[in-house]
Amino acid sequence: MIVRISGEDQYELPDEDVARLNQLESDVVAIVDGGRNGDFAEAYRVLLDYVRANGKVVSDDELASSDVILPPADLTFAEAGTEFTGEGLIPD
């Protein structure tokens, strides 16, 4: 799976990491849906850090379309309310 973090890089994650990525995103969705502003920044940071730590940066020379585009790291809780709702951004 190719994941782009908006304003950063694209990362290629192995298929076996998709389930963990989905769980981390589900945690963010639950926080946003629950209106838990105080928990959002940490949960979103954990999601982005997982992508950065477990993904291989896709070279600028490679043309690869992103399967998922995550909002930038400075996403606010209010902005997250329009992005992370219902089923979220990452396909199951």
PDB file of N, CA and C in Angstrom:
ATOM      1  N   MET A   1       0.851  -1.172   0.000  1.00  0.00           N
ATOM      2  CA  MET A   1       0.000   0.000   0.000  1.00  0.00           C
ATOM      3  C   MET A   1       0.894   1.232   0.000  1.00  0.00           C
ATOM      4  N   ILE A   2       0.535   2.204  -0.824  1.00  0.00           N
ATOM      5  CA  ILE A   2       1.261   3.471  -0.877  1.00  0.00           C
ATOM      6  C   ILE A   2       0.455   4.518  -0.107  1.00  0.00           C
ATOM      7  N   VAL A   3       1.085   5.111   0.899  1.00  0.00           N
ATOM      8  CA  VAL A   3       0.448   6.125   1.738  1.00  0.00           C
ATOM      9  C   VAL A   3       1.214   7.428   1.576  1.00  0.00           C
ATOM     10  N   ARG A   4       0.503   8.479   1.236  1.00  0.00           N
ATOM     11  CA  ARG A   4       1.120   9.813   1.193  1.00  0.00           C
ATOM     12  C   ARG A   4       0.690  10.568   2.442  1.00  0.00           C
ATOM     13  N   ILE A   5       1.668  11.196   3.078  1.00  0.00           N
ATOM     14  CA  ILE A   5       1.353  12.151   4.132  1.00  0.00           C
ATOM     15  C   ILE A   5       1.436  13.509   3.453  1.00  0.00           C
ATOM     16  N   SER A   6       0.324  14.193   3.391  1.00  0.00           N
ATOM     17  CA  SER A   6       0.235  15.457   2.675  1.00  0.00           C
ATOM     18  C   SER A   6       1.312  16.422   3.169  1.00  0.00           C
ATOM     19  N   GLY A   7       2.039  16.994   2.210  1.00  0.00           N
ATOM     20  CA  GLY A   7       3.100  17.929   2.542  1.00  0.00           C
ATOM     21  C   GLY A   7       4.422  17.257   2.853  1.00  0.00           C
ATOM     22  N   GLU A   8       4.444  15.921   2.819  1.00  0.00           N
ATOM     23  CA  GLU A   8       5.665  15.178   3.121  1.00  0.00           C
ATOM     24  C   GLU A   8       5.994  14.252   1.956  1.00  0.00           C
ATOM     25  N   ASP A   9       6.119  12.968   2.263  1.00  0.00           N
ATOM     26  CA  ASP A   9       6.522  11.961   1.283  1.00  0.00           C
ATOM     27  C   ASP A   9       5.435  10.931   1.086  1.00  0.00           C
ATOM     28  N   GLN A  10       5.712  10.042   0.128  1.00  0.00           N
ATOM     29  CA  GLN A  10       4.928   8.825  -0.054  1.00  0.00           C
ATOM     30  C   GLN A  10       5.718   7.698   0.604  1.00  0.00           C
ATOM     31  N   TYR A  11       4.997   6.762   1.209  1.00  0.00           N
ATOM     32  CA  TYR A  11       5.619   5.619   1.877  1.00  0.00           C
ATOM     33  C   TYR A  11       4.967   4.340   1.378  1.00  0.00           C
ATOM     34  N   GLU A  12       5.785   3.355   1.093  1.00  0.00           N
ATOM     35  CA  GLU A  12       5.268   2.044   0.718  1.00  0.00           C
ATOM     36  C   GLU A  12       5.284   1.161   1.950  1.00  0.00           C
ATOM     37  N   LEU A  13       4.098   0.696   2.318  1.00  0.00           N
ATOM     38  CA  LEU A  13       3.955  -0.175   3.478  1.00  0.00           C
ATOM     39  C   LEU A  13       3.659  -1.595   3.015  1.00  0.00           C
ATOM     40  N   PRO A  14       4.283  -2.575   3.662  1.00  0.00           N
ATOM     41  CA  PRO A  14       3.996  -3.967   3.302  1.00  0.00           C
ATOM     42  C   PRO A  14       2.541  -4.325   3.630  1.00  0.00           C
ATOM     43  N   ASP A  15       2.007  -5.277   2.897  1.00  0.00           N
ATOM     44  CA  ASP A  15       0.615  -5.690   3.093  1.00  0.00           C
ATOM     45  C   ASP A  15       0.330  -6.094   4.535  1.00  0.00           C
ATOM     46  N   GLU A  16       1.312  -6.687   5.202  1.00  0.00           N
ATOM     47  CA  GLU A  16       1.066  -7.143   6.576  1.00  0.00           C
ATOM     48  C   GLU A  16       0.913  -5.985   7.567  1.00  0.00           C
ATOM     49  N   ASP A  17       1.248  -4.770   7.166  1.00  0.00           N
ATOM     50  CA  ASP A  17       1.081  -3.610   8.040  1.00  0.00           C
ATOM     51  C   ASP A  17      -0.278  -2.935   7.886  1.00  0.00           C
ATOM     52  N   VAL A  18      -1.046  -3.334   6.895  1.00  0.00           N
ATOM     53  CA  VAL A  18      -2.319  -2.671   6.618  1.00  0.00           C
ATOM     54  C   VAL A  18      -3.303  -2.822   7.782  1.00  0.00           C
ATOM     55  N   ALA A  19      -3.354  -3.986   8.402  1.00  0.00           N
ATOM     56  CA  ALA A  19      -4.288  -4.193   9.517  1.00  0.00           C
ATOM     57  C   ALA A  19      -3.953  -3.258  10.686  1.00  0.00           C
ATOM     58  N   ARG A  20      -2.673  -3.115  11.006  1.00  0.00           N
ATOM     59  CA  ARG A  20      -2.267  -2.219  12.094  1.00  0.00           C
ATOM     60  C   ARG A  20      -2.568  -0.768  11.724  1.00  0.00           C
ATOM     61  N   LEU A  21      -2.308  -0.406  10.486  1.00  0.00           N
ATOM     62  CA  LEU A  21      -2.605   0.941  10.015  1.00  0.00           C
ATOM     63  C   LEU A  21      -4.100   1.233  10.133  1.00  0.00           C
ATOM     64  N   ASN A  22      -4.928   0.268   9.756  1.00  0.00           N
ATOM     65  CA  ASN A  22      -6.387   0.419   9.888  1.00  0.00           C
ATOM     66  C   ASN A  22      -6.787   0.600  11.343  1.00  0.00           C
ATOM     67  N   GLN A  23      -6.159  -0.141  12.249  1.00  0.00           N
ATOM     68  CA  GLN A  23      -6.493  -0.019  13.669  1.00  0.00           C
ATOM     69  C   GLN A  23      -6.130   1.368  14.196  1.00  0.00           C
ATOM     70  N   LEU A  24      -4.945   1.849  13.830  1.00  0.00           N
ATOM     71  CA  LEU A  24      -4.534   3.179  14.277  1.00  0.00           C
ATOM     72  C   LEU A  24      -5.475   4.257  13.730  1.00  0.00           C
ATOM     73  N   GLU A  25      -5.900   4.112  12.480  1.00  0.00           N
ATOM     74  CA  GLU A  25      -6.836   5.077  11.929  1.00  0.00           C
ATOM     75  C   GLU A  25      -8.202   4.964  12.606  1.00  0.00           C
ATOM     76  N   SER A  26      -8.628   3.745  12.895  1.00  0.00           N
ATOM     77  CA  SER A  26      -9.903   3.556  13.606  1.00  0.00           C
ATOM     78  C   SER A  26      -9.865   4.233  14.972  1.00  0.00           C
ATOM     79  N   ASP A  27      -8.713   4.198  15.625  1.00  0.00           N
ATOM     80  CA  ASP A  27      -8.564   4.890  16.908  1.00  0.00           C
ATOM     81  C   ASP A  27      -8.763   6.392  16.727  1.00  0.00           C
ATOM     82  N   VAL A  28      -8.194   6.952  15.660  1.00  0.00           N
ATOM     83  CA  VAL A  28      -8.349   8.389  15.384  1.00  0.00           C
ATOM     84  C   VAL A  28      -9.812   8.704  15.085  1.00  0.00           C
ATOM     85  N   VAL A  29     -10.452   7.882  14.278  1.00  0.00           N
ATOM     86  CA  VAL A  29     -11.871   8.091  13.946  1.00  0.00           C
ATOM     87  C   VAL A  29     -12.718   8.070  15.215  1.00  0.00           C
ATOM     88  N   ALA A  30     -12.469   7.119  16.103  1.00  0.00           N
ATOM     89  CA  ALA A  30     -13.245   7.020  17.347  1.00  0.00           C
ATOM     90  C   ALA A  30     -13.052   8.261  18.217  1.00  0.00           C
ATOM     91  N   ILE A  31     -11.837   8.769  18.252  1.00  0.00           N
ATOM     92  CA  ILE A  31     -11.558   9.979  19.031  1.00  0.00           C
ATOM     93  C   ILE A  31     -12.296  11.174  18.437  1.00  0.00           C
ATOM     94  N   VAL A  32     -12.236  11.312  17.122  1.00  0.00           N
ATOM     95  CA  VAL A  32     -12.918  12.429  16.457  1.00  0.00           C
ATOM     96  C   VAL A  32     -14.430  12.296  16.629  1.00  0.00           C
ATOM     97  N   ASP A  33     -14.967  11.102  16.361  1.00  0.00           N
ATOM     98  CA  ASP A  33     -16.413  10.892  16.497  1.00  0.00           C
ATOM     99  C   ASP A  33     -16.883  11.108  17.933  1.00  0.00           C
ATOM    100  N   GLY A  34     -16.009  10.809  18.896  1.00  0.00           N
ATOM    101  CA  GLY A  34     -16.360  10.977  20.307  1.00  0.00           C
ATOM    102  C   GLY A  34     -16.134  12.381  20.830  1.00  0.00           C
ATOM    103  N   GLY A  35     -15.619  13.272  19.968  1.00  0.00           N
ATOM    104  CA  GLY A  35     -15.401  14.650  20.384  1.00  0.00           C
ATOM    105  C   GLY A  35     -14.283  14.811  21.398  1.00  0.00           C
ATOM    106  N   ARG A  36     -13.337  13.870  21.405  1.00  0.00           N
ATOM    107  CA  ARG A  36     -12.261  13.873  22.405  1.00  0.00           C
ATOM    108  C   ARG A  36     -11.044  14.650  21.887  1.00  0.00           C
ATOM    109  N   ASN A  37     -11.200  15.952  21.822  1.00  0.00           N
ATOM    110  CA  ASN A  37     -10.177  16.844  21.292  1.00  0.00           C
ATOM    111  C   ASN A  37      -8.822  16.629  21.969  1.00  0.00           C
ATOM    112  N   GLY A  38      -8.810  16.433  23.277  1.00  0.00           N
ATOM    113  CA  GLY A  38      -7.575  16.293  24.036  1.00  0.00           C
ATOM    114  C   GLY A  38      -6.762  15.060  23.669  1.00  0.00           C
ATOM    115  N   ASP A  39      -7.398  14.048  23.102  1.00  0.00           N
ATOM    116  CA  ASP A  39      -6.708  12.813  22.731  1.00  0.00           C
ATOM    117  C   ASP A  39      -6.284  12.784  21.263  1.00  0.00           C
ATOM    118  N   PHE A  40      -6.774  13.734  20.493  1.00  0.00           N
ATOM    119  CA  PHE A  40      -6.569  13.676  19.046  1.00  0.00           C
ATOM    120  C   PHE A  40      -5.109  13.796  18.621  1.00  0.00           C
ATOM    121  N   ALA A  41      -4.410  14.823  19.066  1.00  0.00           N
ATOM    122  CA  ALA A  41      -3.048  15.095  18.576  1.00  0.00           C
ATOM    123  C   ALA A  41      -2.137  13.893  18.777  1.00  0.00           C
ATOM    124  N   GLU A  42      -2.196  13.271  19.938  1.00  0.00           N
ATOM    125  CA  GLU A  42      -1.340  12.111  20.213  1.00  0.00           C
ATOM    126  C   GLU A  42      -1.705  10.929  19.321  1.00  0.00           C
ATOM    127  N   ALA A  43      -2.983  10.650  19.164  1.00  0.00           N
ATOM    128  CA  ALA A  43      -3.406   9.513  18.336  1.00  0.00           C
ATOM    129  C   ALA A  43      -3.020   9.733  16.876  1.00  0.00           C
ATOM    130  N   TYR A  44      -3.159  10.949  16.395  1.00  0.00           N
ATOM    131  CA  TYR A  44      -2.804  11.220  15.002  1.00  0.00           C
ATOM    132  C   TYR A  44      -1.289  11.147  14.814  1.00  0.00           C
ATOM    133  N   ARG A  45      -0.543  11.635  15.807  1.00  0.00           N
ATOM    134  CA  ARG A  45       0.918  11.536  15.740  1.00  0.00           C
ATOM    135  C   ARG A  45       1.345  10.073  15.683  1.00  0.00           C
ATOM    136  N   VAL A  46       0.717   9.218  16.479  1.00  0.00           N
ATOM    137  CA  VAL A  46       1.045   7.786  16.479  1.00  0.00           C
ATOM    138  C   VAL A  46       0.788   7.182  15.095  1.00  0.00           C
ATOM    139  N   LEU A  47      -0.322   7.540  14.469  1.00  0.00           N
ATOM    140  CA  LEU A  47      -0.641   7.051  13.122  1.00  0.00           C
ATOM    141  C   LEU A  47       0.436   7.477  12.122  1.00  0.00           C
ATOM    142  N   LEU A  48       0.773   8.757  12.109  1.00  0.00           N
ATOM    143  CA  LEU A  48       1.781   9.244  11.171  1.00  0.00           C
ATOM    144  C   LEU A  48       3.154   8.638  11.451  1.00  0.00           C
ATOM    145  N   ASP A  49       3.505   8.535  12.729  1.00  0.00           N
ATOM    146  CA  ASP A  49       4.799   7.940  13.086  1.00  0.00           C
ATOM    147  C   ASP A  49       4.880   6.481  12.649  1.00  0.00           C
ATOM    148  N   TYR A  50       3.758   5.774  12.705  1.00  0.00           N
ATOM    149  CA  TYR A  50       3.746   4.382  12.254  1.00  0.00           C
ATOM    150  C   TYR A  50       4.055   4.305  10.763  1.00  0.00           C
ATOM    151  N   VAL A  51       3.439   5.175   9.998  1.00  0.00           N
ATOM    152  CA  VAL A  51       3.693   5.199   8.553  1.00  0.00           C
ATOM    153  C   VAL A  51       5.156   5.523   8.287  1.00  0.00           C
ATOM    154  N   ARG A  52       5.671   6.533   8.958  1.00  0.00           N
ATOM    155  CA  ARG A  52       7.064   6.941   8.740  1.00  0.00           C
ATOM    156  C   ARG A  52       8.051   5.850   9.147  1.00  0.00           C
ATOM    157  N   ALA A  53       7.777   5.185  10.252  1.00  0.00           N
ATOM    158  CA  ALA A  53       8.707   4.185  10.786  1.00  0.00           C
ATOM    159  C   ALA A  53       8.662   2.862  10.033  1.00  0.00           C
ATOM    160  N   ASN A  54       7.497   2.499   9.522  1.00  0.00           N
ATOM    161  CA  ASN A  54       7.330   1.180   8.905  1.00  0.00           C
ATOM    162  C   ASN A  54       7.266   1.211   7.388  1.00  0.00           C
ATOM    163  N   GLY A  55       7.134   2.400   6.834  1.00  0.00           N
ATOM    164  CA  GLY A  55       7.073   2.521   5.387  1.00  0.00           C
ATOM    165  C   GLY A  55       8.430   2.851   4.798  1.00  0.00           C
ATOM    166  N   LYS A  56       8.598   2.467   3.577  1.00  0.00           N
ATOM    167  CA  LYS A  56       9.803   2.800   2.814  1.00  0.00           C
ATOM    168  C   LYS A  56       9.459   4.008   1.954  1.00  0.00           C
ATOM    169  N   VAL A  57      10.259   5.067   2.075  1.00  0.00           N
ATOM    170  CA  VAL A  57       9.990   6.277   1.291  1.00  0.00           C
ATOM    171  C   VAL A  57      10.074   5.944  -0.196  1.00  0.00           C
ATOM    172  N   VAL A  58       9.044   6.347  -0.917  1.00  0.00           N
ATOM    173  CA  VAL A  58       9.016   6.148  -2.368  1.00  0.00           C
ATOM    174  C   VAL A  58       9.858   7.260  -2.993  1.00  0.00           C
ATOM    175  N   SER A  59      10.809   6.874  -3.788  1.00  0.00           N
ATOM    176  CA  SER A  59      11.714   7.822  -4.433  1.00  0.00           C
ATOM    177  C   SER A  59      10.940   8.794  -5.315  1.00  0.00           C
ATOM    178  N   ASP A  60      11.452  10.018  -5.390  1.00  0.00           N
ATOM    179  CA  ASP A  60      10.834  11.022  -6.262  1.00  0.00           C
ATOM    180  C   ASP A  60      10.897  10.597  -7.731  1.00  0.00           C
ATOM    181  N   ASP A  61      11.833   9.697  -8.047  1.00  0.00           N
ATOM    182  CA  ASP A  61      11.984   9.214  -9.423  1.00  0.00           C
ATOM    183  C   ASP A  61      10.888   8.229  -9.811  1.00  0.00           C
ATOM    184  N   GLU A  62      10.262   7.610  -8.810  1.00  0.00           N
ATOM    185  CA  GLU A  62       9.218   6.625  -9.078  1.00  0.00           C
ATOM    186  C   GLU A  62       7.868   7.317  -9.212  1.00  0.00           C
ATOM    187  N   LEU A  63       7.085   6.857 -10.168  1.00  0.00           N
ATOM    188  CA  LEU A  63       5.718   7.346 -10.305  1.00  0.00           C
ATOM    189  C   LEU A  63       4.789   6.301  -9.706  1.00  0.00           C
ATOM    190  N   ALA A  64       4.248   6.617  -8.559  1.00  0.00           N
ATOM    191  CA  ALA A  64       3.346   5.693  -7.890  1.00  0.00           C
ATOM    192  C   ALA A  64       2.143   6.473  -7.383  1.00  0.00           C
ATOM    193  N   SER A  65       0.966   5.969  -7.679  1.00  0.00           N
ATOM    194  CA  SER A  65      -0.230   6.632  -7.161  1.00  0.00           C
ATOM    195  C   SER A  65      -0.446   6.187  -5.718  1.00  0.00           C
ATOM    196  N   SER A  66      -0.935   7.103  -4.929  1.00  0.00           N
ATOM    197  CA  SER A  66      -1.175   6.814  -3.517  1.00  0.00           C
ATOM    198  C   SER A  66      -2.496   6.089  -3.345  1.00  0.00           C
ATOM    199  N   ASP A  67      -2.491   5.049  -2.523  1.00  0.00           N
ATOM    200  CA  ASP A  67      -3.730   4.373  -2.159  1.00  0.00           C
ATOM    201  C   ASP A  67      -4.487   5.184  -1.121  1.00  0.00           C
ATOM    202  N   VAL A  68      -3.736   5.904  -0.291  1.00  0.00           N
ATOM    203  CA  VAL A  68      -4.307   6.714   0.785  1.00  0.00           C
ATOM    204  C   VAL A  68      -3.505   7.999   0.884  1.00  0.00           C
ATOM    205  N   ILE A  69      -4.200   9.103   1.085  1.00  0.00           N
ATOM    206  CA  ILE A  69      -3.528  10.372   1.354  1.00  0.00           C
ATOM    207  C   ILE A  69      -3.987  10.837   2.731  1.00  0.00           C
ATOM    208  N   LEU A  70      -3.027  10.882   3.656  1.00  0.00           N
ATOM    209  CA  LEU A  70      -3.320  11.348   5.004  1.00  0.00           C
ATOM    210  C   LEU A  70      -3.096  12.857   5.062  1.00  0.00           C
ATOM    211  N   PRO A  71      -3.912  13.546   5.828  1.00  0.00           N
ATOM    212  CA  PRO A  71      -3.729  14.998   5.975  1.00  0.00           C
ATOM    213  C   PRO A  71      -2.368  15.307   6.611  1.00  0.00           C
ATOM    214  N   PRO A  72      -1.935  16.567   6.534  1.00  0.00           N
ATOM    215  CA  PRO A  72      -0.632  16.935   7.089  1.00  0.00           C
ATOM    216  C   PRO A  72      -0.573  16.779   8.607  1.00  0.00           C
ATOM    217  N   ALA A  73       0.653  16.746   9.106  1.00  0.00           N
ATOM    218  CA  ALA A  73       0.880  16.520  10.535  1.00  0.00           C
ATOM    219  C   ALA A  73       0.269  17.617  11.407  1.00  0.00           C
ATOM    220  N   ASP A  74       0.102  18.814  10.867  1.00  0.00           N
ATOM    221  CA  ASP A  74      -0.443  19.915  11.660  1.00  0.00           C
ATOM    222  C   ASP A  74      -1.975  20.004  11.591  1.00  0.00           C
ATOM    223  N   LEU A  75      -2.608  18.925  11.202  1.00  0.00           N
ATOM    224  CA  LEU A  75      -4.071  18.869  11.133  1.00  0.00           C
ATOM    225  C   LEU A  75      -4.681  19.202  12.494  1.00  0.00           C
ATOM    226  N   THR A  76      -5.666  20.066  12.507  1.00  0.00           N
ATOM    227  CA  THR A  76      -6.337  20.407  13.763  1.00  0.00           C
ATOM    228  C   THR A  76      -7.501  19.440  14.016  1.00  0.00           C
ATOM    229  N   PHE A  77      -7.962  19.431  15.236  1.00  0.00           N
ATOM    230  CA  PHE A  77      -9.106  18.592  15.590  1.00  0.00           C
ATOM    231  C   PHE A  77     -10.332  18.981  14.770  1.00  0.00           C
ATOM    232  N   ALA A  78     -10.550  20.275  14.601  1.00  0.00           N
ATOM    233  CA  ALA A  78     -11.701  20.741  13.813  1.00  0.00           C
ATOM    234  C   ALA A  78     -11.600  20.252  12.369  1.00  0.00           C
ATOM    235  N   GLU A  79     -10.411  20.338  11.788  1.00  0.00           N
ATOM    236  CA  GLU A  79     -10.216  19.856  10.422  1.00  0.00           C
ATOM    237  C   GLU A  79     -10.391  18.343  10.342  1.00  0.00           C
ATOM    238  N   ALA A  80      -9.957  17.658  11.365  1.00  0.00           N
ATOM    239  CA  ALA A  80     -10.069  16.198  11.395  1.00  0.00           C
ATOM    240  C   ALA A  80     -11.525  15.756  11.345  1.00  0.00           C
ATOM    241  N   GLY A  81     -12.412  16.588  11.856  1.00  0.00           N
ATOM    242  CA  GLY A  81     -13.827  16.259  11.841  1.00  0.00           C
ATOM    243  C   GLY A  81     -14.400  16.081  10.450  1.00  0.00           C
ATOM    244  N   THR A  82     -13.750  16.680   9.446  1.00  0.00           N
ATOM    245  CA  THR A  82     -14.222  16.510   8.072  1.00  0.00           C
ATOM    246  C   THR A  82     -13.488  15.383   7.356  1.00  0.00           C
ATOM    247  N   GLU A  83     -12.383  14.913   7.924  1.00  0.00           N
ATOM    248  CA  GLU A  83     -11.566  13.873   7.284  1.00  0.00           C
ATOM    249  C   GLU A  83     -11.798  12.489   7.890  1.00  0.00           C
ATOM    250  N   PHE A  84     -11.780  12.429   9.221  1.00  0.00           N
ATOM    251  CA  PHE A  84     -11.821  11.143   9.919  1.00  0.00           C
ATOM    252  C   PHE A  84     -13.192  10.903  10.537  1.00  0.00           C
ATOM    253  N   THR A  85     -14.122  10.492   9.700  1.00  0.00           N
ATOM    254  CA  THR A  85     -15.466  10.183  10.170  1.00  0.00           C
ATOM    255  C   THR A  85     -15.908   8.879   9.530  1.00  0.00           C
ATOM    256  N   GLY A  86     -16.870   8.245  10.117  1.00  0.00           N
ATOM    257  CA  GLY A  86     -17.427   7.016   9.540  1.00  0.00           C
ATOM    258  C   GLY A  86     -16.374   5.955   9.351  1.00  0.00           C
ATOM    259  N   GLU A  87     -16.123   5.582   8.101  1.00  0.00           N
ATOM    260  CA  GLU A  87     -15.166   4.509   7.805  1.00  0.00           C
ATOM    261  C   GLU A  87     -13.747   5.022   7.677  1.00  0.00           C
ATOM    262  N   GLY A  88     -13.527   6.334   7.739  1.00  0.00           N
ATOM    263  CA  GLY A  88     -12.180   6.876   7.684  1.00  0.00           C
ATOM    264  C   GLY A  88     -11.642   6.954   6.259  1.00  0.00           C
ATOM    265  N   LEU A  89     -10.320   7.082   6.164  1.00  0.00           N
ATOM    266  CA  LEU A  89      -9.654   7.289   4.884  1.00  0.00           C
ATOM    267  C   LEU A  89      -9.036   6.027   4.302  1.00  0.00           C
ATOM    268  N   ILE A  90      -8.683   5.084   5.175  1.00  0.00           N
ATOM    269  CA  ILE A  90      -7.941   3.901   4.743  1.00  0.00           C
ATOM    270  C   ILE A  90      -8.900   2.773   4.416  1.00  0.00           C
ATOM    271  N   PRO A  91      -8.837   2.254   3.194  1.00  0.00           N
ATOM    272  CA  PRO A  91      -9.749   1.156   2.826  1.00  0.00           C
ATOM    273  C   PRO A  91      -9.400  -0.123   3.566  1.00  0.00           C
ATOM    274  N   ASP A  92     -10.424  -0.879   3.919  1.00  0.00           N
ATOM    275  CA  ASP A  92     -10.200  -2.177   4.599  1.00  0.00           C
ATOM    276  C   ASP A  92      -9.710  -3.214   3.637  1.00  0.00           C
TER     277      ASP A  92
END
